[in-house]
């Protein structure tokens, strides 16, 4: 508590680093306490950015990206990302280079062989409309409702999300209906994963989440925090369902508080492994996407009831390792970043 108080006092006195740190703390609190702390964090970051903080500008770009709908709102988010890059924030520079359509200029920027205005030039080549667009989906099954979207993400976006997850992988947990807690269960799930809350997020992820929302017809606030799953050789996620069981007290509580988990969106991030298909054993179907391909399925039927046919398995790799972005979607807004 003493450390928090000292940071708050330093921020009040105008210390840029403290203002940025406190702003980030408020953003983290927003996930638990609501929009007010998000607004407080945003205001602190704006003040820090006004004093030259590259990190503050970076997080402002993420918040703007969370709420951006129109082109001018995305442009404002990119302006903060560009200013963060100009001020030296390495992640902002890397992402501007990844998203820019001028690959020659991006390569020059990464190598340091460029003019001072390179970050504005790169920002000007970014096509937000194209980045939010999704290829058409192919229907696989009507009961349960399953679709695939080939080429949903670029290989560069996939590689970026893998690299942002390395070093952050922890044991994945399963929801325990009897207690309402998440716990490690090596009989059910042995793979690892990395969660992305607002402090771990990045601009590429903001664009992916917006693209997922548009492709699935979902409200972006109904997207849960994103995770990236990692399967080393032999690791698995045994047969399970993503929906909450309304007949279980803790499942019913989840539905009442945050809405049913109505859909699942899986983005395949890499190749170079054998096995590790996503299997739906009750309908006898498996899928193994190439990097950038996506699998989308509704966890509920058209009446909104849990669809037991969506029970699925993450089969283990027989060689190599598998990376997979997982995005759960609720039936009501309010659980996302």
Protein backbone atom coordinates (compact mmCIF):
# COMPACT_ATOMS: atom_id res chain seq x y z
CA UNK A 1 0.00 0.00 0.00
CA UNK A 2 2.87 2.36 0.81
CA UNK A 3 4.34 1.84 -2.66
CA UNK A 4 0.98 2.55 -4.30
CA UNK A 5 0.61 5.72 -2.24
CA UNK A 6 4.09 6.89 -3.24
CA UNK A 7 3.33 6.28 -6.92
CA UNK A 8 0.06 8.17 -6.59
CA UNK A 9 1.82 11.11 -4.90
CA UNK A 10 4.55 11.16 -7.55
CA UNK A 11 1.88 11.13 -10.28
CA UNK A 12 0.10 14.01 -8.56
CA UNK A 13 3.40 15.90 -8.55
CA UNK A 14 3.69 15.43 -12.31
CA UNK A 15 6.22 12.61 -12.53
CA UNK A 16 5.74 11.14 -16.02
CA UNK A 17 6.81 7.60 -15.13
CA UNK A 18 4.52 7.55 -12.09
CA UNK A 19 1.60 8.95 -14.12
CA UNK A 20 2.09 6.20 -16.69
CA UNK A 21 2.41 3.47 -14.05
CA UNK A 22 -0.69 4.67 -12.20
CA UNK A 23 -2.62 4.96 -15.45
CA UNK A 24 -1.77 1.35 -16.29
CA UNK A 25 -2.82 0.27 -12.79
CA UNK A 26 -6.18 1.96 -13.28
CA UNK A 27 -6.63 0.15 -16.59
CA UNK A 28 -6.02 -3.18 -14.84
CA UNK A 29 -8.50 -2.26 -12.12
CA UNK A 30 -11.11 -1.47 -14.77
CA UNK A 31 -11.46 -5.17 -15.58
CA UNK A 32 -12.69 -5.73 -12.02
CA UNK A 33 -14.35 -2.49 -11.00
CA UNK A 34 -15.84 -1.04 -14.16
CA UNK A 35 -15.57 1.82 -16.62
CA UNK A 36 -14.78 4.56 -14.11
CA UNK A 37 -11.26 3.29 -13.44
CA UNK A 38 -10.76 2.90 -17.19
CA UNK A 39 -11.59 6.57 -17.61
CA UNK A 40 -9.27 7.51 -14.74
CA UNK A 41 -6.46 5.47 -16.26
CA UNK A 42 -7.05 6.95 -19.69
CA UNK A 43 -6.89 10.50 -18.31
CA UNK A 44 -3.63 9.76 -16.49
CA UNK A 45 -2.11 8.28 -19.63
CA UNK A 46 -3.20 11.27 -21.68
CA UNK A 47 -1.49 13.57 -19.20
CA UNK A 48 1.67 11.43 -19.29
CA UNK A 49 1.63 11.38 -23.09
CA UNK A 50 1.32 15.14 -23.05
CA UNK A 51 4.61 15.19 -21.15
CA UNK A 52 6.32 12.94 -23.68
CA UNK A 53 5.73 9.36 -22.48
CA UNK A 54 6.06 6.89 -25.36
CA UNK A 55 4.61 4.09 -23.21
CA UNK A 56 1.55 6.17 -22.35
CA UNK A 57 0.93 6.89 -26.02
CA UNK A 58 1.15 3.16 -26.71
CA UNK A 59 -1.52 2.26 -24.16
CA UNK A 60 -3.74 5.11 -25.35
CA UNK A 61 -3.59 3.56 -28.83
CA UNK A 62 -4.83 0.27 -27.37
CA UNK A 63 -7.73 1.86 -25.49
CA UNK A 64 -8.71 3.82 -28.58
CA UNK A 65 -8.51 0.57 -30.54
CA UNK A 66 -10.81 -1.20 -28.10
CA UNK A 67 -13.60 1.31 -28.72
CA UNK A 68 -12.88 2.31 -32.33
CA UNK A 69 -15.72 1.71 -34.78
CA UNK A 70 -15.42 4.39 -37.44
CA UNK A 71 -12.41 5.09 -39.65
CA UNK A 72 -11.58 8.36 -37.88
CA UNK A 73 -11.52 6.56 -34.51
CA UNK A 74 -9.04 4.00 -35.83
CA UNK A 75 -7.02 6.87 -37.31
CA UNK A 76 -6.82 8.46 -33.86
CA UNK A 77 -5.60 5.15 -32.39
CA UNK A 78 -2.96 4.88 -35.12
CA UNK A 79 -1.85 8.45 -34.47
CA UNK A 80 -1.00 7.53 -30.89
CA UNK A 81 0.74 4.36 -32.05
CA UNK A 82 2.77 6.45 -34.51
CA UNK A 83 3.71 8.99 -31.84
CA UNK A 84 4.74 6.17 -29.50
CA UNK A 85 6.99 4.85 -32.26
CA UNK A 86 8.47 8.31 -32.87
CA UNK A 87 9.26 8.54 -29.17
CA UNK A 88 11.13 5.23 -29.31
CA UNK A 89 8.67 2.58 -28.05
CA UNK A 90 9.97 -0.56 -29.73
CA UNK A 91 6.71 -2.53 -29.78
CA UNK A 92 4.93 0.37 -31.49
CA UNK A 93 7.66 0.47 -34.13
CA UNK A 94 7.47 -3.27 -34.74
CA UNK A 95 3.70 -3.23 -35.13
CA UNK A 96 3.66 -0.24 -37.48
CA UNK A 97 6.15 -2.14 -39.64
CA UNK A 98 4.06 -5.31 -39.49
CA UNK A 99 0.81 -3.55 -40.46
CA UNK A 100 2.18 -1.23 -43.16
CA UNK A 101 1.64 -2.13 -46.80
CA UNK A 102 4.98 -0.62 -47.90
CA UNK A 103 7.23 -3.59 -47.09
CA UNK A 104 10.40 -1.94 -48.40
CA UNK A 105 9.90 1.07 -46.17
CA UNK A 106 9.07 -1.19 -43.22
CA UNK A 107 12.31 -3.13 -43.72
CA UNK A 108 14.27 0.11 -43.85
CA UNK A 109 12.60 1.32 -40.66
CA UNK A 110 13.43 -1.87 -38.80
CA UNK A 111 17.06 -1.66 -39.91
CA UNK A 112 17.33 1.99 -38.84
CA UNK A 113 18.09 3.15 -42.39
CA UNK A 114 15.32 5.72 -42.68
CA UNK A 115 14.37 9.36 -42.17
CA UNK A 116 12.84 10.73 -38.98
CA UNK A 117 9.38 10.89 -40.59
CA UNK A 118 9.35 7.15 -41.44
CA UNK A 119 6.78 6.33 -38.76
CA UNK A 120 4.26 8.78 -40.19
CA UNK A 121 4.95 7.44 -43.67
CA UNK A 122 4.34 3.88 -42.48
CA UNK A 123 1.16 4.88 -40.64
CA UNK A 124 -0.15 6.48 -43.83
CA UNK A 125 0.14 3.15 -45.69
CA UNK A 126 -1.93 1.18 -43.17
CA UNK A 127 -5.33 0.23 -44.60
CA UNK A 128 -7.67 -0.25 -41.64
CA UNK A 129 -10.62 -1.28 -43.81
CA UNK A 130 -8.56 -4.08 -45.34
CA UNK A 131 -7.26 -5.15 -41.93
CA UNK A 132 -10.78 -5.48 -40.56
CA UNK A 133 -12.11 -7.41 -43.56
CA UNK A 134 -12.49 -11.18 -43.38
CA UNK A 135 -12.68 -13.79 -46.15
CA UNK A 136 -16.02 -15.51 -46.59
CA UNK A 137 -16.81 -18.36 -44.21
CA UNK A 138 -17.51 -21.91 -45.36
CA UNK A 139 -20.26 -23.80 -43.56
CA UNK A 140 -19.20 -27.22 -42.34
CA UNK A 141 -22.22 -28.23 -40.30
CA UNK A 142 -25.67 -26.86 -39.51
CA UNK A 143 -26.13 -29.03 -36.42
CA UNK A 144 -23.97 -28.07 -34.61
CA UNK A 145 -23.29 -24.77 -36.33
CA UNK A 146 -19.66 -24.89 -37.49
CA UNK A 147 -17.83 -22.73 -40.04
CA UNK A 148 -14.25 -22.32 -41.18
CA UNK A 149 -12.60 -19.18 -42.56
CA UNK A 150 -9.46 -19.85 -44.57
CA UNK A 151 -6.88 -17.06 -44.61
CA UNK A 152 -8.53 -15.13 -41.80
CA UNK A 153 -5.19 -13.75 -40.55
CA UNK A 154 -1.84 -13.13 -42.18
CA UNK A 155 1.19 -15.27 -41.38
CA UNK A 156 2.85 -12.14 -39.97
CA UNK A 157 -0.04 -11.58 -37.55
CA UNK A 158 0.12 -15.24 -36.51
CA UNK A 159 3.88 -15.12 -35.95
CA UNK A 160 3.48 -11.90 -33.94
CA UNK A 161 0.92 -13.48 -31.58
CA UNK A 162 3.15 -16.51 -31.04
CA UNK A 163 6.10 -14.31 -30.15
CA UNK A 164 3.98 -12.24 -27.76
CA UNK A 165 3.03 -15.47 -25.97
CA UNK A 166 6.47 -17.05 -25.61
CA UNK A 167 7.77 -16.80 -22.09
CA UNK A 168 4.26 -16.21 -20.73
CA UNK A 169 2.85 -19.73 -21.08
CA UNK A 170 1.44 -21.20 -17.87
CA UNK A 171 -0.50 -24.35 -17.03
CA UNK A 172 -3.98 -24.14 -18.51
CA UNK A 173 -6.87 -24.68 -16.13
CA UNK A 174 -10.41 -26.04 -16.42
CA UNK A 175 -13.63 -24.69 -14.91
CA UNK A 176 -14.83 -26.81 -12.00
CA UNK A 177 -18.67 -26.68 -11.89
CA UNK A 178 -18.83 -27.94 -8.31
CA UNK A 179 -16.78 -25.02 -6.94
CA UNK A 180 -16.92 -22.37 -9.64
CA UNK A 181 -13.11 -22.23 -9.60
CA UNK A 182 -10.54 -22.79 -12.34
CA UNK A 183 -8.07 -25.54 -11.47
CA UNK A 184 -5.29 -27.63 -12.99
CA UNK A 185 -6.51 -31.08 -14.02
CA UNK A 186 -3.87 -33.20 -15.74
CA UNK A 187 -6.43 -35.85 -16.63
CA UNK A 188 -8.40 -33.36 -18.70
CA UNK A 189 -5.96 -30.67 -19.84
CA UNK A 190 -2.18 -30.68 -20.08
CA UNK A 191 -1.54 -27.87 -22.57
CA UNK A 192 -0.42 -24.38 -21.64
CA UNK A 193 -1.79 -20.95 -22.44
CA UNK A 194 -1.16 -17.22 -22.14
CA UNK A 195 -3.95 -14.77 -21.35
CA UNK A 196 -3.98 -11.24 -22.76
CA UNK A 197 -5.53 -8.65 -20.49
CA UNK A 198 -5.25 -4.95 -21.28
CA UNK A 199 -1.69 -4.68 -19.92
CA UNK A 200 -0.52 -7.60 -22.06
CA UNK A 201 -2.49 -6.63 -25.17
CA UNK A 202 -1.10 -5.09 -28.35
CA UNK A 203 -2.41 -3.20 -31.35
CA UNK A 204 -2.31 -6.24 -33.65
CA UNK A 205 -4.50 -8.09 -31.17
CA UNK A 206 -6.95 -5.16 -31.06
CA UNK A 207 -7.32 -5.44 -34.83
CA UNK A 208 -7.74 -9.22 -34.67
CA UNK A 209 -10.45 -8.89 -32.02
CA UNK A 210 -12.28 -6.30 -34.10
CA UNK A 211 -12.02 -8.56 -37.16
CA UNK A 212 -13.34 -11.53 -35.17
CA UNK A 213 -16.28 -9.48 -33.91
CA UNK A 214 -17.19 -8.37 -37.42
CA UNK A 215 -16.76 -11.85 -38.91
CA UNK A 216 -18.95 -13.48 -36.26
CA UNK A 217 -21.53 -10.72 -35.94
CA UNK A 218 -20.60 -10.18 -32.29
CA UNK A 219 -20.38 -7.06 -30.17
CA UNK A 220 -16.72 -6.50 -29.31
CA UNK A 221 -17.44 -6.04 -25.57
CA UNK A 222 -18.84 -9.58 -25.55
CA UNK A 223 -15.42 -11.01 -26.45
CA UNK A 224 -13.65 -12.44 -23.41
CA UNK A 225 -9.95 -11.72 -22.91
CA UNK A 226 -8.04 -13.56 -25.63
CA UNK A 227 -5.75 -16.49 -24.93
CA UNK A 228 -3.07 -18.21 -26.97
CA UNK A 229 -2.81 -21.94 -26.36
CA UNK A 230 0.37 -23.95 -26.72
CA UNK A 231 0.48 -27.72 -27.21
CA UNK A 232 3.89 -29.37 -26.86
CA UNK A 233 4.29 -32.95 -28.04
CA UNK A 234 1.76 -35.21 -26.30
CA UNK A 235 -0.17 -32.38 -24.61
CA UNK A 236 -3.95 -32.44 -24.96
CA UNK A 237 -7.27 -30.93 -24.00
CA UNK A 238 -9.62 -33.86 -23.50
CA UNK A 239 -13.26 -33.85 -24.63
CA UNK A 240 -15.06 -30.86 -23.15
CA UNK A 241 -17.65 -28.19 -23.87
CA UNK A 242 -17.09 -24.43 -23.84
CA UNK A 243 -20.64 -23.55 -22.76
CA UNK A 244 -21.64 -23.24 -19.11
CA UNK A 245 -24.05 -25.81 -17.73
CA UNK A 246 -27.16 -23.95 -16.58
CA UNK A 247 -28.16 -26.91 -14.36
CA UNK A 248 -25.02 -26.45 -12.22
CA UNK A 249 -25.16 -23.66 -9.59
CA UNK A 250 -21.82 -22.12 -10.57
CA UNK A 251 -22.53 -22.49 -14.27
CA UNK A 252 -25.87 -20.78 -13.77
CA UNK A 253 -24.13 -18.02 -11.82
CA UNK A 254 -21.71 -17.42 -14.70
CA UNK A 255 -24.60 -17.16 -17.14
CA UNK A 256 -26.50 -14.82 -14.84
CA UNK A 257 -23.52 -12.53 -14.25
CA UNK A 258 -21.81 -12.53 -17.66
CA UNK A 259 -24.05 -14.38 -20.11
CA UNK A 260 -23.63 -17.78 -21.71
CA UNK A 261 -20.44 -18.51 -23.65
CA UNK A 262 -22.32 -18.71 -26.93
CA UNK A 263 -19.48 -19.16 -29.42
CA UNK A 264 -15.83 -20.13 -29.84
CA UNK A 265 -13.40 -18.78 -32.43
CA UNK A 266 -10.08 -20.59 -32.95
CA UNK A 267 -7.26 -19.14 -35.05
CA UNK A 268 -4.51 -21.55 -36.07
CA UNK A 269 -1.13 -19.84 -35.77
CA UNK A 270 1.50 -22.26 -37.06
CA UNK A 271 2.31 -25.43 -38.94
CA UNK A 272 5.21 -27.88 -38.70
CA UNK A 273 3.48 -30.35 -36.41
CA UNK A 274 1.65 -33.65 -36.84
CA UNK A 275 -1.67 -34.58 -35.29
CA UNK A 276 -3.19 -32.01 -32.89
CA UNK A 277 -6.49 -31.69 -34.77
CA UNK A 278 -9.55 -30.13 -33.19
CA UNK A 279 -12.00 -33.02 -33.03
CA UNK A 280 -15.77 -33.08 -32.59
CA UNK A 281 -16.25 -36.74 -31.63
CA UNK A 282 -20.05 -36.67 -31.47
CA UNK A 283 -20.28 -35.77 -35.17
CA UNK A 284 -17.13 -37.57 -36.33
CA UNK A 285 -15.29 -34.52 -37.69
CA UNK A 286 -11.74 -33.18 -37.23
CA UNK A 287 -10.06 -30.00 -38.39
CA UNK A 288 -6.44 -28.92 -38.71
CA UNK A 289 -6.09 -25.41 -40.06
CA UNK A 290 -3.10 -23.92 -41.83
CA UNK A 291 -1.53 -20.78 -40.29
CA UNK A 292 -4.13 -18.00 -40.50
CA UNK A 293 -7.14 -20.31 -40.89
CA UNK A 294 -9.97 -20.06 -38.38
CA UNK A 295 -12.64 -22.35 -36.96
CA UNK A 296 -15.84 -20.81 -35.63
CA UNK A 297 -18.66 -22.69 -33.91
CA UNK A 298 -21.75 -21.79 -31.93
CA UNK A 299 -21.86 -23.43 -28.52
CA UNK A 300 -25.63 -23.02 -28.34
CA UNK A 301 -28.44 -24.02 -30.66
CA UNK A 302 -30.81 -21.58 -32.34
CA UNK A 303 -32.99 -21.56 -29.21
CA UNK A 304 -29.98 -20.46 -27.16
CA UNK A 305 -29.62 -23.74 -25.28
CA UNK A 306 -26.27 -25.48 -24.81
CA UNK A 307 -25.53 -27.66 -27.84
CA UNK A 308 -23.98 -30.90 -26.59
CA UNK A 309 -22.82 -31.77 -30.10
CA UNK A 310 -20.18 -29.04 -29.76
CA UNK A 311 -18.20 -31.11 -27.29
CA UNK A 312 -14.70 -31.17 -28.71
CA UNK A 313 -11.13 -32.27 -28.08
CA UNK A 314 -7.73 -30.70 -28.62
CA UNK A 315 -5.78 -33.75 -29.77
CA UNK A 316 -2.07 -33.95 -28.87
CA UNK A 317 0.71 -33.29 -31.39
CA UNK A 318 2.54 -36.48 -32.29
CA UNK A 319 5.50 -34.31 -33.33
CA UNK A 320 6.27 -30.60 -33.22
CA UNK A 321 4.28 -28.01 -31.29
CA UNK A 322 0.95 -26.30 -31.94
CA UNK A 323 -0.02 -22.67 -31.31
CA UNK A 324 -3.66 -21.64 -31.35
CA UNK A 325 -5.42 -18.36 -30.56
CA UNK A 326 -8.66 -18.94 -28.67
CA UNK A 327 -11.45 -16.39 -28.46
CA UNK A 328 -14.58 -17.13 -26.42
CA UNK A 329 -17.65 -15.01 -27.04
CA UNK A 330 -20.44 -14.33 -24.53
CA UNK A 331 -24.08 -13.68 -25.25
CA UNK A 332 -24.01 -10.24 -23.63
CA UNK A 333 -21.46 -7.39 -23.62
CA UNK A 334 -19.26 -6.58 -20.67
CA UNK A 335 -16.56 -9.23 -20.25
CA UNK A 336 -13.97 -8.10 -22.79
CA UNK A 337 -10.87 -5.91 -22.61
